[in-house]
All heavy atoms as atom14 arrays in JSON, in Angstrom:
{
  "sequence": "SFFQTNSLGAEVLYDKAREYMGDVEGNVIFDLY",
  "atom14_mask": [
    [1, 1, 1, 1, 1, 1, 0, 0, 0, 0, 0, 0, 0, 0],
    [1, 1, 1, 1, 1, 1, 1, 1, 1, 1, 1, 0, 0, 0],
    [1, 1, 1, 1, 1, 1, 1, 1, 1, 1, 1, 0, 0, 0],
    [1, 1, 1, 1, 1, 1, 1, 1, 1, 0, 0, 0, 0, 0],
    [1, 1, 1, 1, 1, 1, 1, 0, 0, 0, 0, 0, 0, 0],
    [1, 1, 1, 1, 1, 1, 1, 1, 0, 0, 0, 0, 0, 0],
    [1, 1, 1, 1, 1, 1, 0, 0, 0, 0, 0, 0, 0, 0],
    [1, 1, 1, 1, 1, 1, 1, 1, 0, 0, 0, 0, 0, 0],
    [1, 1, 1, 1, 0, 0, 0, 0, 0, 0, 0, 0, 0, 0],
    [1, 1, 1, 1, 1, 0, 0, 0, 0, 0, 0, 0, 0, 0],
    [1, 1, 1, 1, 1, 1, 1, 1, 1, 0, 0, 0, 0, 0],
    [1, 1, 1, 1, 1, 1, 1, 0, 0, 0, 0, 0, 0, 0],
    [1, 1, 1, 1, 1, 1, 1, 1, 0, 0, 0, 0, 0, 0],
    [1, 1, 1, 1, 1, 1, 1, 1, 1, 1, 1, 1, 0, 0],
    [1, 1, 1, 1, 1, 1, 1, 1, 0, 0, 0, 0, 0, 0],
    [1, 1, 1, 1, 1, 1, 1, 1, 1, 0, 0, 0, 0, 0],
    [1, 1, 1, 1, 1, 0, 0, 0, 0, 0, 0, 0, 0, 0],
    [1, 1, 1, 1, 1, 1, 1, 1, 1, 1, 1, 0, 0, 0],
    [1, 1, 1, 1, 1, 1, 1, 1, 1, 0, 0, 0, 0, 0],
    [1, 1, 1, 1, 1, 1, 1, 1, 1, 1, 1, 1, 0, 0],
    [1, 1, 1, 1, 1, 1, 1, 1, 0, 0, 0, 0, 0, 0],
    [1, 1, 1, 1, 0, 0, 0, 0, 0, 0, 0, 0, 0, 0],
    [1, 1, 1, 1, 1, 1, 1, 1, 0, 0, 0, 0, 0, 0],
    [1, 1, 1, 1, 1, 1, 1, 0, 0, 0, 0, 0, 0, 0],
    [1, 1, 1, 1, 1, 1, 1, 1, 1, 0, 0, 0, 0, 0],
    [1, 1, 1, 1, 0, 0, 0, 0, 0, 0, 0, 0, 0, 0],
    [1, 1, 1, 1, 1, 1, 1, 1, 0, 0, 0, 0, 0, 0],
    [1, 1, 1, 1, 1, 1, 1, 0, 0, 0, 0, 0, 0, 0],
    [1, 1, 1, 1, 1, 1, 1, 1, 0, 0, 0, 0, 0, 0],
    [1, 1, 1, 1, 1, 1, 1, 1, 1, 1, 1, 0, 0, 0],
    [1, 1, 1, 1, 1, 1, 1, 1, 0, 0, 0, 0, 0, 0],
    [1, 1, 1, 1, 1, 1, 1, 1, 0, 0, 0, 0, 0, 0],
    [1, 1, 1, 1, 1, 1, 1, 1, 1, 1, 1, 1, 0, 0]
  ],
  "atom14_positions": [
    [[-20.17, -5.44, 17.87], [-19.38, -6.6, 17.44], [-18.04, -6.14, 16.89], [-17.98, -5.17, 16.13], [-20.11, -7.37, 16.34], [-21.29, -7.95, 16.81], [0.0, 0.0, 0.0], [0.0, 0.0, 0.0], [0.0, 0.0, 0.0], [0.0, 0.0, 0.0], [0.0, 0.0, 0.0], [0.0, 0.0, 0.0], [0.0, 0.0, 0.0], [0.0, 0.0, 0.0]],
    [[-16.97, -6.91, 17.23], [-15.7, -6.62, 16.56], [-15.77, -7.2, 15.15], [-16.06, -8.37, 14.96], [-14.5, -7.22, 17.29], [-13.24, -7.07, 16.47], [-12.59, -5.85, 16.42], [-12.76, -8.11, 15.7], [-11.46, -5.67, 15.62], [-11.63, -7.96, 14.89], [-10.99, -6.73, 14.86], [0.0, 0.0, 0.0], [0.0, 0.0, 0.0], [0.0, 0.0, 0.0]],
    [[-15.48, -6.36, 14.17], [-15.44, -6.78, 12.78], [-14.51, -5.82, 12.07], [-14.52, -4.62, 12.35], [-16.85, -6.73, 12.17], [-17.0, -7.52, 10.9], [-17.2, -8.89, 10.95], [-16.94, -6.9, 9.66], [-17.34, -9.63, 9.78], [-17.07, -7.63, 8.49], [-17.28, -9.0, 8.56], [0.0, 0.0, 0.0], [0.0, 0.0, 0.0], [0.0, 0.0, 0.0]],
    [[-13.69, -6.35, 11.18], [-12.74, -5.48, 10.48], [-13.48, -4.32, 9.82], [-14.52, -4.51, 9.2], [-11.98, -6.28, 9.42], [-10.99, -7.28, 10.0], [-9.72, -6.64, 10.53], [-9.57, -5.42, 10.53], [-8.8, -7.45, 11.01], [0.0, 0.0, 0.0], [0.0, 0.0, 0.0], [0.0, 0.0, 0.0], [0.0, 0.0, 0.0], [0.0, 0.0, 0.0]],
    [[-12.93, -3.1, 9.95], [-13.62, -1.91, 9.46], [-13.55, -1.73, 7.95], [-14.17, -0.82, 7.4], [-13.06, -0.64, 10.14], [-11.65, -0.6, 9.95], [-13.38, -0.65, 11.63], [0.0, 0.0, 0.0], [0.0, 0.0, 0.0], [0.0, 0.0, 0.0], [0.0, 0.0, 0.0], [0.0, 0.0, 0.0], [0.0, 0.0, 0.0], [0.0, 0.0, 0.0]],
    [[-12.79, -2.59, 7.28], [-12.69, -2.56, 5.82], [-13.03, -3.97, 5.33], [-12.19, -4.86, 5.33], [-11.28, -2.15, 5.39], [-11.09, -2.11, 3.88], [-11.9, -2.6, 3.12], [-9.98, -1.51, 3.45], [0.0, 0.0, 0.0], [0.0, 0.0, 0.0], [0.0, 0.0, 0.0], [0.0, 0.0, 0.0], [0.0, 0.0, 0.0], [0.0, 0.0, 0.0]],
    [[-14.28, -4.19, 4.92], [-14.73, -5.54, 4.57], [-13.95, -6.13, 3.4], [-13.52, -7.29, 3.43], [-16.23, -5.53, 4.24], [-16.99, -5.09, 5.34], [0.0, 0.0, 0.0], [0.0, 0.0, 0.0], [0.0, 0.0, 0.0], [0.0, 0.0, 0.0], [0.0, 0.0, 0.0], [0.0, 0.0, 0.0], [0.0, 0.0, 0.0], [0.0, 0.0, 0.0]],
    [[-13.76, -5.34, 2.34], [-13.05, -5.85, 1.18], [-11.57, -6.06, 1.49], [-10.94, -7.01, 1.01], [-13.21, -4.9, -0.01], [-14.65, -4.66, -0.47], [-14.67, -3.72, -1.66], [-15.34, -5.97, -0.83], [0.0, 0.0, 0.0], [0.0, 0.0, 0.0], [0.0, 0.0, 0.0], [0.0, 0.0, 0.0], [0.0, 0.0, 0.0], [0.0, 0.0, 0.0]],
    [[-11.01, -5.18, 2.31], [-9.63, -5.36, 2.75], [-9.48, -6.6, 3.62], [-8.45, -7.29, 3.57], [0.0, 0.0, 0.0], [0.0, 0.0, 0.0], [0.0, 0.0, 0.0], [0.0, 0.0, 0.0], [0.0, 0.0, 0.0], [0.0, 0.0, 0.0], [0.0, 0.0, 0.0], [0.0, 0.0, 0.0], [0.0, 0.0, 0.0], [0.0, 0.0, 0.0]],
    [[-10.52, -6.9, 4.42], [-10.48, -8.09, 5.27], [-10.41, -9.36, 4.43], [-9.76, -10.34, 4.81], [-11.71, -8.12, 6.18], [0.0, 0.0, 0.0], [0.0, 0.0, 0.0], [0.0, 0.0, 0.0], [0.0, 0.0, 0.0], [0.0, 0.0, 0.0], [0.0, 0.0, 0.0], [0.0, 0.0, 0.0], [0.0, 0.0, 0.0], [0.0, 0.0, 0.0]],
    [[-11.06, -9.33, 3.27], [-10.98, -10.49, 2.4], [-9.55, -10.71, 1.9], [-9.09, -11.85, 1.81], [-11.94, -10.33, 1.21], [-13.4, -10.42, 1.6], [-14.32, -10.53, 0.4], [-14.11, -9.78, -0.58], [-15.25, -11.35, 0.46], [0.0, 0.0, 0.0], [0.0, 0.0, 0.0], [0.0, 0.0, 0.0], [0.0, 0.0, 0.0], [0.0, 0.0, 0.0]],
    [[-8.85, -9.63, 1.6], [-7.44, -9.73, 1.2], [-6.62, -10.32, 2.35], [-5.79, -11.23, 2.17], [-6.88, -8.35, 0.8], [-5.38, -8.42, 0.53], [-7.61, -7.81, -0.42], [0.0, 0.0, 0.0], [0.0, 0.0, 0.0], [0.0, 0.0, 0.0], [0.0, 0.0, 0.0], [0.0, 0.0, 0.0], [0.0, 0.0, 0.0], [0.0, 0.0, 0.0]],
    [[-6.85, -9.8, 3.55], [-6.1, -10.24, 4.73], [-6.35, -11.71, 5.04], [-5.41, -12.49, 5.24], [-6.51, -9.38, 5.93], [-5.81, -9.67, 7.26], [-4.33, -9.29, 7.19], [-6.49, -8.92, 8.4], [0.0, 0.0, 0.0], [0.0, 0.0, 0.0], [0.0, 0.0, 0.0], [0.0, 0.0, 0.0], [0.0, 0.0, 0.0], [0.0, 0.0, 0.0]],
    [[-7.62, -12.13, 5.05], [-7.94, -13.5, 5.42], [-7.59, -14.49, 4.31], [-7.25, -15.63, 4.58], [-9.43, -13.6, 5.79], [-9.8, -12.79, 7.01], [-11.08, -12.27, 7.17], [-8.86, -12.53, 8.01], [-11.41, -11.52, 8.29], [-9.18, -11.77, 9.12], [-10.46, -11.27, 9.26], [-10.79, -10.52, 10.36], [0.0, 0.0, 0.0], [0.0, 0.0, 0.0]],
    [[-7.66, -14.04, 3.07], [-7.22, -14.89, 1.98], [-5.72, -15.14, 2.09], [-5.23, -16.25, 1.84], [-7.56, -14.24, 0.64], [-7.48, -15.21, -0.52], [-8.03, -16.32, -0.39], [-6.86, -14.87, -1.54], [0.0, 0.0, 0.0], [0.0, 0.0, 0.0], [0.0, 0.0, 0.0], [0.0, 0.0, 0.0], [0.0, 0.0, 0.0], [0.0, 0.0, 0.0]],
    [[-4.98, -14.1, 2.48], [-3.54, -14.25, 2.69], [-3.28, -15.18, 3.88], [-2.34, -15.99, 3.85], [-2.91, -12.87, 2.92], [-1.4, -12.87, 3.05], [-0.7, -13.44, 1.83], [-0.96, -12.64, 0.56], [-0.11, -13.14, -0.57], [0.0, 0.0, 0.0], [0.0, 0.0, 0.0], [0.0, 0.0, 0.0], [0.0, 0.0, 0.0], [0.0, 0.0, 0.0]],
    [[-4.12, -15.11, 4.9], [-3.98, -16.0, 6.06], [-4.14, -17.45, 5.64], [-3.36, -18.32, 6.06], [-5.01, -15.63, 7.13], [0.0, 0.0, 0.0], [0.0, 0.0, 0.0], [0.0, 0.0, 0.0], [0.0, 0.0, 0.0], [0.0, 0.0, 0.0], [0.0, 0.0, 0.0], [0.0, 0.0, 0.0], [0.0, 0.0, 0.0], [0.0, 0.0, 0.0]],
    [[-5.14, -17.73, 4.79], [-5.34, -19.1, 4.31], [-4.12, -19.57, 3.5], [-3.7, -20.72, 3.6], [-6.6, -19.18, 3.45], [-7.88, -19.1, 4.24], [-9.08, -19.58, 3.46], [-9.35, -18.81, 2.25], [-10.54, -18.78, 1.66], [-11.56, -19.45, 2.18], [-10.72, -18.08, 0.55], [0.0, 0.0, 0.0], [0.0, 0.0, 0.0], [0.0, 0.0, 0.0]],
    [[-3.6, -18.65, 2.68], [-2.42, -18.99, 1.87], [-1.22, -19.33, 2.76], [-0.52, -20.32, 2.53], [-2.08, -17.83, 0.95], [-0.84, -18.04, 0.1], [-0.39, -16.76, -0.6], [-1.27, -16.02, -1.11], [0.83, -16.5, -0.63], [0.0, 0.0, 0.0], [0.0, 0.0, 0.0], [0.0, 0.0, 0.0], [0.0, 0.0, 0.0], [0.0, 0.0, 0.0]],
    [[-0.98, -18.51, 3.79], [0.14, -18.73, 4.69], [0.0, -20.05, 5.45], [0.99, -20.75, 5.7], [0.25, -17.58, 5.69], [1.02, -16.38, 5.19], [1.17, -16.12, 3.84], [1.57, -15.47, 6.09], [1.86, -15.0, 3.39], [2.26, -14.34, 5.65], [2.4, -14.12, 4.31], [3.08, -13.02, 3.87], [0.0, 0.0, 0.0], [0.0, 0.0, 0.0]],
    [[-1.23, -20.37, 5.86], [-1.46, -21.58, 6.65], [-1.21, -22.83, 5.83], [-0.82, -23.87, 6.36], [-2.89, -21.58, 7.19], [-3.18, -20.46, 8.17], [-2.3, -20.64, 9.71], [-3.38, -21.77, 10.56], [0.0, 0.0, 0.0], [0.0, 0.0, 0.0], [0.0, 0.0, 0.0], [0.0, 0.0, 0.0], [0.0, 0.0, 0.0], [0.0, 0.0, 0.0]],
    [[-1.46, -22.75, 4.52], [-1.22, -23.92, 3.67], [-2.17, -25.05, 3.99], [-3.35, -24.84, 4.32], [0.0, 0.0, 0.0], [0.0, 0.0, 0.0], [0.0, 0.0, 0.0], [0.0, 0.0, 0.0], [0.0, 0.0, 0.0], [0.0, 0.0, 0.0], [0.0, 0.0, 0.0], [0.0, 0.0, 0.0], [0.0, 0.0, 0.0], [0.0, 0.0, 0.0]],
    [[-1.68, -26.27, 3.92], [-2.49, -27.46, 4.14], [-2.7, -27.69, 5.64], [-1.76, -28.02, 6.36], [-1.8, -28.68, 3.51], [-2.64, -29.94, 3.64], [-3.81, -29.84, 4.05], [-2.12, -31.03, 3.33], [0.0, 0.0, 0.0], [0.0, 0.0, 0.0], [0.0, 0.0, 0.0], [0.0, 0.0, 0.0], [0.0, 0.0, 0.0], [0.0, 0.0, 0.0]],
    [[-3.92, -27.48, 6.11], [-4.23, -27.69, 7.52], [-5.25, -28.82, 7.69], [-5.89, -28.94, 8.73], [-4.76, -26.4, 8.19], [-3.66, -25.36, 8.29], [-5.96, -25.84, 7.44], [0.0, 0.0, 0.0], [0.0, 0.0, 0.0], [0.0, 0.0, 0.0], [0.0, 0.0, 0.0], [0.0, 0.0, 0.0], [0.0, 0.0, 0.0], [0.0, 0.0, 0.0]],
    [[-5.38, -29.65, 6.69], [-6.31, -30.77, 6.77], [-5.9, -31.68, 7.93], [-4.75, -32.06, 8.08], [-6.32, -31.57, 5.47], [-7.37, -32.67, 5.45], [-7.41, -33.4, 4.12], [-6.68, -32.98, 3.19], [-8.17, -34.37, 4.01], [0.0, 0.0, 0.0], [0.0, 0.0, 0.0], [0.0, 0.0, 0.0], [0.0, 0.0, 0.0], [0.0, 0.0, 0.0]],
    [[-6.89, -31.99, 8.78], [-6.62, -32.83, 9.95], [-6.06, -32.07, 11.13], [-5.81, -32.65, 12.19], [0.0, 0.0, 0.0], [0.0, 0.0, 0.0], [0.0, 0.0, 0.0], [0.0, 0.0, 0.0], [0.0, 0.0, 0.0], [0.0, 0.0, 0.0], [0.0, 0.0, 0.0], [0.0, 0.0, 0.0], [0.0, 0.0, 0.0], [0.0, 0.0, 0.0]],
    [[-5.84, -30.74, 10.99], [-5.27, -29.93, 12.08], [-6.34, -29.45, 13.05], [-7.46, -29.13, 12.67], [-4.57, -28.69, 11.51], [-3.14, -28.95, 11.05], [-2.36, -28.03, 10.97], [-2.81, -30.18, 10.73], [0.0, 0.0, 0.0], [0.0, 0.0, 0.0], [0.0, 0.0, 0.0], [0.0, 0.0, 0.0], [0.0, 0.0, 0.0], [0.0, 0.0, 0.0]],
    [[-5.94, -29.38, 14.33], [-6.7, -28.64, 15.34], [-6.06, -27.26, 15.43], [-4.85, -27.14, 15.72], [-6.65, -29.34, 16.71], [-7.32, -28.47, 17.77], [-7.34, -30.7, 16.64], [0.0, 0.0, 0.0], [0.0, 0.0, 0.0], [0.0, 0.0, 0.0], [0.0, 0.0, 0.0], [0.0, 0.0, 0.0], [0.0, 0.0, 0.0], [0.0, 0.0, 0.0]],
    [[-6.85, -26.23, 15.15], [-6.33, -24.86, 15.12], [-6.89, -24.07, 16.3], [-8.1, -24.09, 16.55], [-6.71, -24.16, 13.81], [-6.13, -24.92, 12.61], [-6.22, -22.71, 13.81], [-6.58, -24.37, 11.27], [0.0, 0.0, 0.0], [0.0, 0.0, 0.0], [0.0, 0.0, 0.0], [0.0, 0.0, 0.0], [0.0, 0.0, 0.0], [0.0, 0.0, 0.0]],
    [[-6.03, -23.42, 17.04], [-6.45, -22.47, 18.07], [-6.49, -21.07, 17.44], [-5.46, -20.61, 16.91], [-5.49, -22.45, 19.25], [-5.69, -23.57, 20.25], [-6.56, -24.62, 19.98], [-5.01, -23.57, 21.46], [-6.75, -25.65, 20.91], [-5.18, -24.58, 22.38], [-6.06, -25.63, 22.11], [0.0, 0.0, 0.0], [0.0, 0.0, 0.0], [0.0, 0.0, 0.0]],
    [[-7.65, -20.42, 17.48], [-7.78, -19.03, 17.04], [-7.92, -18.18, 18.29], [-9.0, -18.08, 18.87], [-9.01, -18.89, 16.13], [-9.22, -17.46, 15.64], [-8.31, -16.62, 15.84], [-10.3, -17.17, 15.09], [0.0, 0.0, 0.0], [0.0, 0.0, 0.0], [0.0, 0.0, 0.0], [0.0, 0.0, 0.0], [0.0, 0.0, 0.0], [0.0, 0.0, 0.0]],
    [[-6.81, -17.61, 18.73], [-6.79, -16.87, 20.0], [-7.01, -15.38, 19.74], [-6.43, -14.82, 18.83], [-5.46, -17.11, 20.71], [-5.12, -18.6, 20.93], [-3.79, -18.74, 21.66], [-6.23, -19.33, 21.67], [0.0, 0.0, 0.0], [0.0, 0.0, 0.0], [0.0, 0.0, 0.0], [0.0, 0.0, 0.0], [0.0, 0.0, 0.0], [0.0, 0.0, 0.0]],
    [[-7.85, -14.76, 20.59], [-8.36, -13.41, 20.38], [-9.24, -13.44, 19.12], [-9.02, -12.69, 18.16], [-7.23, -12.38, 20.25], [-6.21, -12.47, 21.36], [-5.02, -13.19, 21.19], [-6.43, -11.85, 22.58], [-4.09, -13.28, 22.2], [-5.48, -11.95, 23.61], [-4.32, -12.66, 23.41], [-3.4, -12.75, 24.42], [0.0, 0.0, 0.0], [0.0, 0.0, 0.0]]
  ]
}
């Protein structure tokens, strides 16, 4: 399975992704790759 090789670092990365995305309520999001 593909999974980030640094689990705790992945939490930093994905938390930052949520912050960057901001308010996505009601959005259809394409997660490509």
